[in-house]
């Protein structure tokens, strides 16, 4: 459930009409991704209630060669927070909650609960520790947990800061908001979601806490090592309204358009959701797009990655749901926006990097570490000639050769440069550089 999304590039151009949407341009991008096995997913573009474009690409399940299609279900991860924030605002409208209600009214056992408000939780200003950041999270994320068991887990950590003295993304806050909704409505979260959003909008392919069922046209998610590997399946009762919803791309777009067009909430409630402080609204982020405002959310759970955005000036909604990602979802978003605005864009060059043989890679193998870098990096060779990197506690990922000494992993924006003579590795990511030294293996006398 990660939230970072790179800055959207400015595309200056004239608005294309609905009839002129650049479907062929969008097709060329998604076809290239599919052809070169750079990802799998489904997209939808909606404007003024009209579906301008939709396309599915890649496999819902690789082994059976079951293809993604426009009604394939994807786990949408933290885009679920937009739904949860909407439900909270609905409860406020109905007099069941107040934005200044304190967490202590519902769960007083939490640290600073008498100072943490519903508003703080919605806007990631509560200080509640993000439980998915814990190194222990991966040990139980696939297991069924009761509410009491989850509360015990959430209570086991200290807060990061006092409420409203900072901002930090917190899945914990949104799980607690889910429980609070259940408390005030006297219903399960999934039933509240159905009653307040799904039934009124006639969304028949949106579900809460649904296990992945291939026979019901649900996609399996993957992560890439030397090849696509099936990701573990998180139990959605753990993530609740922080990331427990599954849907089709089209139905996420319909929800977003209905929300921003005032079909779900009163204008004052929607305006409150859109108030941005330190980058966060209520279940929304603001993303830069020249002099216009884009509001939306990203999502990531298991191997699923997603993004949903609404461009208010055009009443345009774009949704991208992926079950396997190598080519970045943000670059897909840029391509779909370029197609909408009639702007030229380059189809990525997915040609393999420089081909190197095992003997040219063997000197790079080893464990690299540094006092200034928190993780160790293990470099190994798979399938005889595929160089792999693996950080402590994380999955291995493949490195593509730029030249005999430089390698990249585009999905994470990583570049690694080796200095074999000095047994060094330089890791570059997000504008930062770290030098790691190869550890010397101990030998017995």
Protein backbone atom coordinates (compact mmCIF):
# COMPACT_ATOMS: atom_id res chain seq x y z
CA UNK A 1 0.00 0.00 0.00
CA UNK A 2 2.75 2.60 -1.01
CA UNK A 3 1.78 6.12 -1.90
CA UNK A 4 4.59 7.78 -3.84
CA UNK A 5 3.90 8.92 -7.38
CA UNK A 6 6.40 10.85 -9.47
CA UNK A 7 5.65 14.37 -10.66
CA UNK A 8 3.40 14.46 -13.71
CA UNK A 9 5.02 16.14 -16.68
CA UNK A 10 3.40 19.20 -18.22
CA UNK A 11 1.60 18.50 -21.45
CA UNK A 12 0.61 21.76 -23.15
CA UNK A 13 -1.89 21.17 -25.89
CA UNK A 14 -5.43 21.73 -27.06
CA UNK A 15 -8.24 19.66 -25.58
CA UNK A 16 -9.35 16.73 -27.67
CA UNK A 17 -13.05 16.02 -27.93
CA UNK A 18 -14.50 12.78 -26.61
CA UNK A 19 -14.86 11.49 -30.14
CA UNK A 20 -11.21 12.30 -30.91
CA UNK A 21 -9.68 10.50 -27.93
CA UNK A 22 -6.37 9.06 -29.09
CA UNK A 23 -7.27 5.41 -28.78
CA UNK A 24 -4.64 4.34 -31.30
CA UNK A 25 -1.94 6.14 -29.29
CA UNK A 26 -3.11 4.55 -26.06
CA UNK A 27 -3.33 1.17 -27.80
CA UNK A 28 0.23 1.49 -29.09
CA UNK A 29 1.53 2.05 -25.56
CA UNK A 30 -0.39 -0.78 -23.91
CA UNK A 31 0.25 -3.17 -26.80
CA UNK A 32 4.00 -2.52 -26.46
CA UNK A 33 3.85 -3.21 -22.72
CA UNK A 34 2.02 -6.47 -23.38
CA UNK A 35 4.23 -7.53 -26.29
CA UNK A 36 7.42 -7.05 -24.29
CA UNK A 37 5.99 -8.57 -21.09
CA UNK A 38 6.48 -5.34 -19.14
CA UNK A 39 3.23 -5.52 -17.19
CA UNK A 40 -0.39 -6.64 -17.01
CA UNK A 41 -3.54 -4.76 -16.16
CA UNK A 42 -6.60 -2.80 -17.22
CA UNK A 43 -7.31 0.90 -17.79
CA UNK A 44 -10.41 3.08 -18.13
CA UNK A 45 -10.86 6.72 -19.14
CA UNK A 46 -14.16 8.44 -18.35
CA UNK A 47 -15.37 11.95 -19.18
CA UNK A 48 -18.76 13.54 -18.50
CA UNK A 49 -20.26 10.12 -17.86
CA UNK A 50 -18.97 8.74 -21.16
CA UNK A 51 -16.46 5.91 -21.36
CA UNK A 52 -13.81 7.27 -23.71
CA UNK A 53 -11.44 4.35 -23.58
CA UNK A 54 -10.88 1.02 -21.88
CA UNK A 55 -8.38 -1.72 -22.51
CA UNK A 56 -7.06 -4.77 -20.69
CA UNK A 57 -3.63 -6.20 -21.39
CA UNK A 58 -1.58 -9.17 -20.27
CA UNK A 59 -2.71 -12.16 -18.23
CA UNK A 60 -5.02 -12.40 -15.25
CA UNK A 61 -3.27 -15.70 -14.57
CA UNK A 62 -0.15 -16.73 -16.45
CA UNK A 63 -0.15 -20.51 -16.03
CA UNK A 64 -3.63 -20.96 -17.48
CA UNK A 65 -3.09 -18.11 -19.97
CA UNK A 66 -6.29 -16.50 -18.73
CA UNK A 67 -6.25 -12.99 -20.21
CA UNK A 68 -7.22 -9.79 -18.44
CA UNK A 69 -10.41 -8.26 -19.83
CA UNK A 70 -12.44 -5.10 -19.08
CA UNK A 71 -14.42 -6.83 -16.31
CA UNK A 72 -11.47 -8.55 -14.64
CA UNK A 73 -11.28 -7.80 -10.92
CA UNK A 74 -8.17 -6.22 -9.44
CA UNK A 75 -7.30 -5.43 -5.86
CA UNK A 76 -7.10 -1.63 -5.81
CA UNK A 77 -5.05 -1.27 -2.62
CA UNK A 78 -5.04 2.18 -1.07
CA UNK A 79 -7.47 3.65 -3.58
CA UNK A 80 -9.86 2.03 -1.06
CA UNK A 81 -9.09 5.00 1.20
CA UNK A 82 -11.05 7.31 -1.10
CA UNK A 83 -14.11 5.08 -0.57
CA UNK A 84 -13.54 4.98 3.21
CA UNK A 85 -13.12 8.76 3.45
CA UNK A 86 -16.33 9.15 1.44
CA UNK A 87 -18.17 6.86 3.85
CA UNK A 88 -16.88 8.82 6.83
CA UNK A 89 -18.14 12.07 5.28
CA UNK A 90 -21.48 10.34 4.64
CA UNK A 91 -21.65 9.42 8.35
CA UNK A 92 -20.91 13.06 9.21
CA UNK A 93 -23.75 14.22 6.95
CA UNK A 94 -26.09 11.75 8.65
CA UNK A 95 -25.13 13.01 12.12
CA UNK A 96 -23.42 9.79 13.18
CA UNK A 97 -19.95 11.33 13.36
CA UNK A 98 -18.26 14.70 13.75
CA UNK A 99 -14.90 15.50 12.23
CA UNK A 100 -13.67 16.71 15.61
CA UNK A 101 -14.79 13.52 17.39
CA UNK A 102 -11.81 12.00 19.16
CA UNK A 103 -10.50 8.47 18.81
CA UNK A 104 -10.97 8.09 22.58
CA UNK A 105 -14.75 8.08 22.02
CA UNK A 106 -14.35 4.72 20.30
CA UNK A 107 -10.94 3.26 21.17
CA UNK A 108 -9.55 5.07 24.23
CA UNK A 109 -6.73 2.57 24.71
CA UNK A 110 -4.68 4.16 21.91
CA UNK A 111 -1.92 6.60 22.79
CA UNK A 112 -3.05 10.26 22.49
CA UNK A 113 -6.56 9.03 21.65
CA UNK A 114 -8.11 12.00 23.51
CA UNK A 115 -6.31 14.34 21.09
CA UNK A 116 -6.55 12.42 17.79
CA UNK A 117 -9.61 13.53 15.81
CA UNK A 118 -11.43 11.87 12.93
CA UNK A 119 -10.08 14.69 10.76
CA UNK A 120 -6.49 13.94 11.81
CA UNK A 121 -6.97 10.31 10.86
CA UNK A 122 -8.49 11.11 7.48
CA UNK A 123 -5.64 13.49 6.60
CA UNK A 124 -2.73 11.37 7.91
CA UNK A 125 -2.02 13.78 10.78
CA UNK A 126 -2.81 11.41 13.66
CA UNK A 127 0.72 10.24 14.41
CA UNK A 128 -0.52 6.64 14.51
CA UNK A 129 2.25 4.27 13.46
CA UNK A 130 1.68 2.71 10.04
CA UNK A 131 1.40 -0.98 10.92
CA UNK A 132 2.28 -2.18 7.39
CA UNK A 133 5.75 -0.64 7.88
CA UNK A 134 6.51 -3.10 10.66
CA UNK A 135 8.99 -5.85 9.78
CA UNK A 136 6.53 -8.28 11.42
CA UNK A 137 3.71 -7.41 8.98
CA UNK A 138 4.83 -9.93 6.35
CA UNK A 139 4.65 -12.69 8.95
CA UNK A 140 0.87 -12.43 9.34
CA UNK A 141 -0.50 -10.50 6.36
CA UNK A 142 -1.91 -13.61 4.66
CA UNK A 143 -3.62 -14.88 7.83
CA UNK A 144 -7.20 -14.28 8.90
CA UNK A 145 -7.34 -11.91 11.87
CA UNK A 146 -10.30 -10.96 14.03
CA UNK A 147 -10.99 -7.36 14.96
CA UNK A 148 -9.68 -7.95 18.48
CA UNK A 149 -6.50 -9.53 17.13
CA UNK A 150 -5.96 -6.59 14.78
CA UNK A 151 -6.55 -4.09 17.59
CA UNK A 152 -3.92 -5.89 19.63
CA UNK A 153 -1.47 -5.58 16.72
CA UNK A 154 -2.28 -1.90 16.17
CA UNK A 155 -1.83 -1.17 19.87
CA UNK A 156 1.59 -2.81 20.02
CA UNK A 157 3.52 0.16 18.60
CA UNK A 158 4.23 3.70 19.77
CA UNK A 159 2.94 6.75 17.90
CA UNK A 160 5.31 8.64 15.62
CA UNK A 161 4.30 12.15 16.74
CA UNK A 162 1.60 14.03 18.57
CA UNK A 163 -1.55 14.68 16.53
CA UNK A 164 -1.35 17.56 14.04
CA UNK A 165 2.35 18.12 14.77
CA UNK A 166 3.33 16.37 11.56
CA UNK A 167 2.04 14.24 8.70
CA UNK A 168 2.80 10.64 7.84
CA UNK A 169 0.82 8.13 5.85
CA UNK A 170 -0.97 5.69 8.14
CA UNK A 171 -2.86 2.56 7.17
CA UNK A 172 -3.53 2.15 10.89
CA UNK A 173 -5.69 5.28 10.89
CA UNK A 174 -7.84 3.99 8.02
CA UNK A 175 -8.28 0.54 9.56
CA UNK A 176 -9.51 2.28 12.71
CA UNK A 177 -11.81 4.50 10.64
CA UNK A 178 -13.28 1.30 9.17
CA UNK A 179 -13.98 -0.01 12.66
CA UNK A 180 -15.51 3.33 13.69
CA UNK A 181 -17.83 3.21 10.67
CA UNK A 182 -18.94 -0.28 11.72
CA UNK A 183 -19.53 0.98 15.27
CA UNK A 184 -21.70 3.98 14.32
CA UNK A 185 -23.69 2.19 11.61
CA UNK A 186 -24.00 -1.14 13.43
CA UNK A 187 -23.09 -2.86 10.16
CA UNK A 188 -20.06 -4.57 8.67
CA UNK A 189 -17.83 -2.38 6.50
CA UNK A 190 -18.75 -4.27 3.33
CA UNK A 191 -22.46 -3.74 3.99
CA UNK A 192 -21.94 -0.01 4.59
CA UNK A 193 -19.97 0.24 1.34
CA UNK A 194 -22.74 -1.57 -0.52
CA UNK A 195 -25.57 0.51 0.94
CA UNK A 196 -23.97 3.95 0.58
CA UNK A 197 -21.96 3.62 -2.64
CA UNK A 198 -22.27 0.38 -4.61
CA UNK A 199 -26.06 0.03 -4.82
CA UNK A 200 -26.81 3.74 -5.53
CA UNK A 201 -24.17 3.77 -8.31
CA UNK A 202 -25.15 0.31 -9.61
CA UNK A 203 -21.60 -0.98 -9.19
CA UNK A 204 -21.94 -4.74 -9.55
CA UNK A 205 -18.24 -5.54 -9.93
CA UNK A 206 -16.86 -3.87 -6.80
CA UNK A 207 -16.32 -5.96 -3.66
CA UNK A 208 -14.91 -5.72 -0.17
CA UNK A 209 -12.64 -8.40 1.36
CA UNK A 210 -13.02 -10.74 -1.62
CA UNK A 211 -10.53 -13.59 -1.92
CA UNK A 212 -8.96 -14.00 -5.35
CA UNK A 213 -11.11 -16.39 -7.37
CA UNK A 214 -9.88 -17.02 -10.91
CA UNK A 215 -13.16 -18.70 -11.84
CA UNK A 216 -14.88 -15.38 -11.04
CA UNK A 217 -12.57 -13.44 -13.39
CA UNK A 218 -10.25 -12.12 -10.66
CA UNK A 219 -6.61 -11.48 -11.47
CA UNK A 220 -3.64 -12.98 -9.66
CA UNK A 221 -0.79 -10.59 -8.89
CA UNK A 222 2.89 -11.04 -9.69
CA UNK A 223 6.29 -9.62 -8.88
CA UNK A 224 9.29 -9.89 -11.14
CA UNK A 225 12.51 -11.70 -10.38
CA UNK A 226 14.17 -13.45 -13.30
CA UNK A 227 10.56 -14.13 -14.33
CA UNK A 228 7.07 -13.31 -13.03
CA UNK A 229 6.42 -14.91 -9.65
CA UNK A 230 3.00 -15.18 -7.94
CA UNK A 231 2.72 -12.74 -5.04
CA UNK A 232 1.41 -13.80 -1.62
CA UNK A 233 -2.28 -12.99 -1.13
CA UNK A 234 -3.00 -10.57 1.72
CA UNK A 235 -6.06 -11.35 3.82
CA UNK A 236 -8.29 -8.33 3.13
CA UNK A 237 -9.79 -8.29 6.62
CA UNK A 238 -6.40 -7.09 7.79
CA UNK A 239 -6.38 -4.07 5.50
CA UNK A 240 -10.09 -3.26 5.92
CA UNK A 241 -10.98 0.14 4.39
CA UNK A 242 -7.30 1.01 4.08
CA UNK A 243 -6.92 -1.38 1.15
CA UNK A 244 -9.56 -4.11 1.12
CA UNK A 245 -11.55 -3.32 -2.04
CA UNK A 246 -11.46 -5.11 -5.40
CA UNK A 247 -13.02 -3.68 -8.56
CA UNK A 248 -12.79 -3.24 -12.31
CA UNK A 249 -11.07 -0.19 -13.77
CA UNK A 250 -14.36 1.08 -15.21
CA UNK A 251 -16.19 0.87 -11.88
CA UNK A 252 -13.41 2.72 -10.03
CA UNK A 253 -13.70 5.45 -12.67
CA UNK A 254 -17.49 5.57 -12.26
CA UNK A 255 -17.10 5.95 -8.49
CA UNK A 256 -14.54 8.73 -8.86
CA UNK A 257 -16.63 10.65 -11.37
CA UNK A 258 -19.74 10.31 -9.21
CA UNK A 259 -17.81 11.53 -6.17
CA UNK A 260 -16.38 14.60 -7.89
CA UNK A 261 -19.66 15.42 -9.62
CA UNK A 262 -21.51 15.60 -6.31
CA UNK A 263 -23.60 12.46 -6.77
CA UNK A 264 -22.61 10.91 -3.42
CA UNK A 265 -21.85 13.75 -1.00
CA UNK A 266 -23.04 17.27 -0.39
CA UNK A 267 -20.85 20.00 -1.86
CA UNK A 268 -19.54 21.04 1.57
CA UNK A 269 -18.43 17.48 2.34
CA UNK A 270 -16.67 17.08 -0.99
CA UNK A 271 -14.97 20.45 -0.55
CA UNK A 272 -13.67 19.29 2.83
CA UNK A 273 -12.27 16.11 1.29
CA UNK A 274 -10.42 18.20 -1.31
CA UNK A 275 -8.71 20.50 1.21
CA UNK A 276 -5.02 19.66 0.87
CA UNK A 277 -2.54 20.04 3.72
CA UNK A 278 1.03 18.81 3.34
CA UNK A 279 -0.05 16.89 0.25
CA UNK A 280 -2.99 15.06 1.82
CA UNK A 281 -6.74 15.60 1.63
CA UNK A 282 -9.31 13.16 2.99
CA UNK A 283 -8.60 9.95 1.09
CA UNK A 284 -7.03 12.00 -1.71
CA UNK A 285 -3.65 13.39 -2.81
CA UNK A 286 -3.01 16.39 -4.98
CA UNK A 287 -0.78 15.72 -7.97
CA UNK A 288 0.85 18.49 -10.02
CA UNK A 289 -0.15 18.94 -13.63
CA UNK A 290 1.06 22.33 -14.84
CA UNK A 291 -1.44 24.99 -13.63
CA UNK A 292 -4.31 22.53 -13.22
CA UNK A 293 -5.23 20.36 -10.26
CA UNK A 294 -5.38 16.59 -10.32
CA UNK A 295 -6.77 14.79 -7.30
CA UNK A 296 -6.61 11.05 -6.77
CA UNK A 297 -4.92 8.18 -5.02
CA UNK A 298 -2.45 5.41 -5.69
CA UNK A 299 -2.58 1.84 -4.46
CA UNK A 300 -0.25 -1.07 -3.91
CA UNK A 301 -1.00 -4.43 -2.31
CA UNK A 302 0.85 -7.69 -2.98
CA UNK A 303 1.86 -7.40 -6.66
CA UNK A 304 -1.06 -5.11 -7.51
CA UNK A 305 -0.40 -1.45 -8.28
CA UNK A 306 -3.02 1.13 -9.18
CA UNK A 307 -3.73 4.81 -9.66
CA UNK A 308 -6.99 6.74 -10.01
CA UNK A 309 -7.03 10.46 -10.84
CA UNK A 310 -9.62 13.11 -11.62
CA UNK A 311 -8.83 16.23 -13.61
CA UNK A 312 -11.49 18.65 -12.42
CA UNK A 313 -11.08 21.22 -15.18
CA UNK A 314 -11.98 18.58 -17.79
CA UNK A 315 -14.26 16.37 -15.66
CA UNK A 316 -11.90 13.58 -16.73
CA UNK A 317 -11.14 10.42 -14.74
CA UNK A 318 -8.30 8.01 -15.53
CA UNK A 319 -7.89 4.68 -13.74
CA UNK A 320 -5.05 2.18 -14.12
CA UNK A 321 -5.20 -1.16 -12.31
CA UNK A 322 -2.21 -3.50 -12.65
CA UNK A 323 -1.60 -7.04 -11.45
CA UNK A 324 2.03 -7.04 -12.62
CA UNK A 325 4.28 -4.02 -13.04
CA UNK A 326 7.63 -3.54 -14.70
CA UNK A 327 6.89 -0.43 -16.77
CA UNK A 328 5.84 2.21 -14.23
CA UNK A 329 2.13 2.91 -13.72
CA UNK A 330 2.85 6.66 -13.65
CA UNK A 331 4.37 6.47 -17.13
CA UNK A 332 1.23 4.69 -18.32
CA UNK A 333 -0.79 7.54 -16.81
CA UNK A 334 1.31 10.09 -18.69
CA UNK A 335 0.73 8.17 -21.91
CA UNK A 336 -3.05 8.07 -21.41
CA UNK A 337 -3.15 11.79 -20.64
CA UNK A 338 -1.06 12.50 -23.74
CA UNK A 339 -3.51 10.46 -25.82
CA UNK A 340 -6.43 12.44 -24.40
CA UNK A 341 -4.82 15.80 -25.14
CA UNK A 342 -3.60 14.79 -28.58
CA UNK A 343 0.03 15.15 -27.55
CA UNK A 344 2.76 13.09 -29.14
CA UNK A 345 4.68 10.75 -26.88
CA UNK A 346 7.35 8.16 -27.45
CA UNK A 347 6.61 4.48 -27.08
CA UNK A 348 9.23 3.16 -24.65
CA UNK A 349 12.13 1.16 -26.01
CA UNK A 350 11.81 -2.20 -24.32
CA UNK A 351 14.80 -3.74 -26.01
CA UNK A 352 16.91 -5.80 -23.69
CA UNK A 353 20.03 -4.11 -22.39
CA UNK A 354 23.56 -5.09 -23.23
CA UNK A 355 23.88 -8.88 -23.35
CA UNK A 356 26.54 -10.10 -20.93
CA UNK A 357 27.80 -13.59 -20.30
CA UNK A 358 28.18 -15.28 -16.91
CA UNK A 359 31.95 -14.84 -16.90
CA UNK A 360 31.46 -11.08 -17.29
CA UNK A 361 29.14 -10.96 -14.28
CA UNK A 362 30.77 -13.32 -11.80
CA UNK A 363 33.04 -10.68 -10.25
CA UNK A 364 29.95 -8.70 -9.20
CA UNK A 365 28.54 -11.52 -7.03
CA UNK A 366 28.66 -10.99 -3.29
CA UNK A 367 27.14 -9.18 -0.33
CA UNK A 368 27.59 -5.40 -0.22
CA UNK A 369 27.09 -3.21 2.84
CA UNK A 370 27.80 0.24 4.25
CA UNK A 371 27.49 1.96 7.62
CA UNK A 372 25.51 4.73 5.87
CA UNK A 373 23.01 2.39 4.20
CA UNK A 374 20.51 0.41 6.35
CA UNK A 375 20.30 -2.71 4.16
CA UNK A 376 22.72 -5.19 2.72
CA UNK A 377 22.56 -5.83 -1.03
CA UNK A 378 23.18 -9.37 -2.27
CA UNK A 379 24.20 -9.70 -5.92
CA UNK A 380 23.82 -13.11 -7.55
CA UNK A 381 23.46 -14.73 -10.96
CA UNK A 382 20.29 -16.61 -11.96
CA UNK A 383 19.66 -18.74 -15.03
CA UNK A 384 23.36 -18.57 -15.90
CA UNK A 385 23.37 -14.96 -17.14
CA UNK A 386 20.71 -12.92 -15.28
CA UNK A 387 22.19 -10.62 -12.65
CA UNK A 388 19.94 -10.30 -9.61
CA UNK A 389 19.93 -7.91 -6.64
CA UNK A 390 18.24 -8.45 -3.29
CA UNK A 391 18.05 -6.08 -0.33
CA UNK A 392 17.76 -7.45 3.19
CA UNK A 393 14.24 -8.75 3.82
CA UNK A 394 13.01 -7.97 0.29
CA UNK A 395 12.40 -9.91 -2.90
CA UNK A 396 15.16 -10.27 -5.47
CA UNK A 397 14.84 -8.22 -8.65
CA UNK A 398 16.55 -8.50 -12.07
CA UNK A 399 19.15 -6.02 -13.26
CA UNK A 400 19.31 -4.93 -16.89
CA UNK A 401 22.77 -4.10 -18.22
CA UNK A 402 23.30 -0.59 -19.57
CA UNK A 403 26.99 -1.32 -20.16
CA UNK A 404 29.39 -3.93 -18.75
CA UNK A 405 29.51 -2.15 -15.36
CA UNK A 406 26.18 -0.31 -15.06
CA UNK A 407 22.75 -1.87 -14.48
CA UNK A 408 19.20 -0.66 -13.88
CA UNK A 409 15.85 -1.76 -12.50
CA UNK A 410 13.30 0.64 -13.98
CA UNK A 411 10.22 -0.22 -11.85
CA UNK A 412 11.97 1.17 -8.75
CA UNK A 413 14.14 3.74 -10.53
CA UNK A 414 17.31 1.97 -9.39
CA UNK A 415 20.72 2.19 -11.03
CA UNK A 416 23.69 0.13 -9.82
CA UNK A 417 27.27 0.73 -10.92
CA UNK A 418 30.04 -1.73 -10.04
CA UNK A 419 33.71 -0.94 -9.40
CA UNK A 420 35.17 -4.42 -9.33
CA UNK A 421 38.74 -3.23 -8.86
CA UNK A 422 37.82 -1.66 -5.53
CA UNK A 423 35.00 -4.14 -4.67
CA UNK A 424 32.44 -1.31 -4.61
CA UNK A 425 28.80 -0.95 -5.62
CA UNK A 426 27.15 2.44 -6.11
CA UNK A 427 23.37 2.43 -5.71
CA UNK A 428 21.43 5.38 -7.16
CA UNK A 429 17.72 5.95 -6.47
CA UNK A 430 15.52 9.05 -6.13
CA UNK A 431 18.48 11.37 -6.63
CA UNK A 432 20.52 9.75 -3.83
CA UNK A 433 23.75 7.77 -4.12
CA UNK A 434 25.14 5.18 -1.73
CA UNK A 435 28.49 3.42 -1.92
CA UNK A 436 28.55 -0.12 -0.56
CA UNK A 437 31.64 -2.30 -0.06
CA UNK A 438 31.70 -6.00 -0.86
CA UNK A 439 32.02 -8.00 2.33
CA UNK A 440 35.05 -10.29 2.56
CA UNK A 441 34.09 -13.89 3.17
CA UNK A 442 35.74 -15.41 6.21
CA UNK A 443 37.89 -18.49 5.64
CA UNK A 444 38.95 -21.23 7.99
CA UNK A 445 42.67 -21.58 8.68
